[in-house]
Amino acid sequence: MSETPPRRRVHSGAPWEAQVGYCRAIQAGNHISVSGTAPVAEDGSVHAPGDGYEQAKRCLQIALAALAELDADASHVVRTRMFVTDISQWSAFGRAHAEVFAAHPPATTMVEVSALIDPQMLIEIEVDAMCP
């Protein structure tokens, strides 16, 4: 029987974490999963309402901060998933994604969804990383 790899968790302090029962990111062995990350501003409001590029940048900034707490960075990312409420803004979302991952592109998915937790949110991003 194999041992369960140790787990490290990162919490962002978002009120939804305790309410829903999740953490921002979890590392199990060399795998890190970052929960769906929405464009939340420092004050808890929605960052840059209506601006797909800025919202995607904010999601990635939050996700990369969680990775950093687990000693990982964008070069360790192997997969992203972008859930968007307006697929017509795909190039704005994609531009922000490319700015972060152009040097080491992960597998990715972008799908349109009917809604996110706040109607002003245009995107939510999940990230998976593998560390040596």
Protein backbone atom coordinates (compact mmCIF):
# COMPACT_ATOMS: atom_id res chain seq x y z
CA MET A 1 0.00 0.00 0.00
CA SER A 2 1.40 3.42 -0.96
CA GLU A 3 1.47 6.37 1.40
CA THR A 4 -0.74 9.40 0.81
CA PRO A 5 1.48 12.32 -0.17
CA PRO A 6 1.59 15.15 2.37
CA ARG A 7 -0.75 18.04 1.64
CA ARG A 8 -0.13 21.76 1.91
CA ARG A 9 -3.00 24.22 1.65
CA VAL A 10 -3.18 27.92 0.83
CA HIS A 11 -6.16 29.97 2.02
CA SER A 12 -6.95 33.37 0.58
CA GLY A 13 -9.35 34.44 3.29
CA ALA A 14 -12.24 34.82 0.85
CA PRO A 15 -15.56 34.43 2.68
CA TRP A 16 -16.60 31.71 0.22
CA GLU A 17 -13.82 29.37 1.38
CA ALA A 18 -15.39 28.63 4.78
CA GLN A 19 -18.92 28.83 3.41
CA VAL A 20 -18.29 26.31 0.63
CA GLY A 21 -15.49 24.33 2.29
CA TYR A 22 -12.47 24.77 0.01
CA CYS A 23 -9.03 26.35 -0.09
CA ARG A 24 -7.42 28.57 -2.74
CA ALA A 25 -4.80 25.93 -3.56
CA ILE A 26 -3.67 22.51 -2.42
CA GLN A 27 -0.44 20.65 -3.04
CA ALA A 28 -0.38 16.87 -2.88
CA GLY A 29 3.07 15.52 -3.65
CA ASN A 30 4.29 17.36 -6.75
CA HIS A 31 0.80 18.31 -7.98
CA ILE A 32 -0.82 21.67 -7.18
CA SER A 33 -4.44 22.52 -7.91
CA VAL A 34 -5.57 26.13 -7.69
CA SER A 35 -9.32 26.53 -7.23
CA GLY A 36 -11.38 28.54 -9.67
CA THR A 37 -10.06 32.06 -9.20
CA ALA A 38 -12.35 35.02 -9.81
CA PRO A 39 -11.33 38.65 -10.42
CA VAL A 40 -11.72 39.89 -6.86
CA ALA A 41 -10.11 43.22 -5.93
CA GLU A 42 -8.19 43.74 -2.69
CA ASP A 43 -11.28 45.32 -1.09
CA GLY A 44 -13.49 42.34 -2.02
CA SER A 45 -15.26 44.06 -4.91
CA VAL A 46 -15.16 42.84 -8.51
CA HIS A 47 -11.97 44.00 -10.23
CA ALA A 48 -12.40 46.00 -13.47
CA PRO A 49 -16.09 45.31 -14.27
CA GLY A 50 -16.62 44.87 -18.01
CA ASP A 51 -12.91 44.54 -18.85
CA GLY A 52 -12.07 40.96 -19.82
CA TYR A 53 -8.33 41.58 -20.15
CA GLU A 54 -7.96 43.20 -16.72
CA GLN A 55 -10.18 40.60 -15.06
CA ALA A 56 -8.14 37.75 -16.56
CA LYS A 57 -4.91 39.44 -15.41
CA ARG A 58 -6.32 39.74 -11.88
CA CYS A 59 -7.38 36.06 -11.79
CA LEU A 60 -3.90 35.01 -12.88
CA GLN A 61 -2.25 37.35 -10.37
CA ILE A 62 -4.23 35.73 -7.52
CA ALA A 63 -3.57 32.20 -8.79
CA LEU A 64 0.17 32.85 -9.21
CA ALA A 65 0.34 34.27 -5.67
CA ALA A 66 -1.16 31.02 -4.37
CA LEU A 67 1.40 29.03 -6.38
CA ALA A 68 4.20 31.17 -4.96
CA GLU A 69 3.09 30.28 -1.42
CA LEU A 70 3.70 26.66 -2.44
CA ASP A 71 7.12 27.45 -3.97
CA ALA A 72 5.87 27.24 -7.57
CA ASP A 73 5.49 29.71 -10.42
CA ALA A 74 4.03 30.05 -13.92
CA SER A 75 6.69 27.76 -15.38
CA HIS A 76 5.25 24.87 -13.33
CA VAL A 77 1.72 25.29 -14.73
CA VAL A 78 0.61 22.40 -16.94
CA ARG A 79 -3.09 23.21 -17.40
CA THR A 80 -5.48 26.13 -17.11
CA ARG A 81 -9.23 26.30 -17.50
CA MET A 82 -10.96 29.58 -18.26
CA PHE A 83 -14.67 29.85 -17.59
CA VAL A 84 -16.01 32.98 -19.28
CA THR A 85 -19.45 34.56 -19.46
CA ASP A 86 -18.82 36.34 -22.78
CA ILE A 87 -16.86 34.26 -25.28
CA SER A 88 -16.78 37.23 -27.66
CA GLN A 89 -14.03 38.61 -25.37
CA TRP A 90 -11.88 35.52 -25.99
CA SER A 91 -8.99 37.53 -27.42
CA ALA A 92 -8.83 39.82 -24.36
CA PHE A 93 -8.83 36.82 -22.02
CA GLY A 94 -6.30 35.08 -24.25
CA ARG A 95 -3.98 38.10 -24.36
CA ALA A 96 -3.72 38.18 -20.56
CA HIS A 97 -3.14 34.40 -20.51
CA ALA A 98 -0.44 34.64 -23.19
CA GLU A 99 1.38 37.40 -21.30
CA VAL A 100 1.82 35.04 -18.36
CA PHE A 101 2.37 31.74 -20.17
CA ALA A 102 3.90 32.54 -23.59
CA ALA A 103 7.34 31.21 -22.59
CA HIS A 104 5.92 27.93 -21.25
CA PRO A 105 2.38 27.42 -22.57
CA PRO A 106 0.20 24.97 -20.66
CA ALA A 107 -2.71 22.97 -22.01
CA THR A 108 -5.79 25.16 -21.68
CA THR A 109 -9.53 25.29 -22.14
CA MET A 110 -11.81 28.28 -22.51
CA VAL A 111 -15.54 27.66 -22.28
CA GLU A 112 -18.51 29.98 -22.02
CA VAL A 113 -20.72 29.55 -18.97
CA SER A 114 -24.06 31.15 -18.23
CA ALA A 115 -22.98 32.92 -15.03
CA LEU A 116 -20.39 33.24 -12.29
CA ILE A 117 -20.94 34.02 -8.61
CA ASP A 118 -21.22 37.78 -9.32
CA PRO A 119 -22.83 39.08 -12.54
CA GLN A 120 -19.96 41.58 -13.00
CA MET A 121 -17.42 38.75 -13.20
CA LEU A 122 -16.53 37.80 -16.77
CA ILE A 123 -13.97 35.08 -16.06
CA GLU A 124 -12.83 32.52 -13.51
CA ILE A 125 -9.60 30.56 -13.98
CA GLU A 126 -8.43 27.20 -12.58
CA VAL A 127 -4.73 26.28 -12.62
CA ASP A 128 -2.92 22.94 -12.27
CA ALA A 129 0.83 22.79 -11.74
CA MET A 130 3.47 20.09 -11.38
CA CYS A 131 6.61 20.74 -9.37
CA PRO A 132 9.84 18.77 -9.50
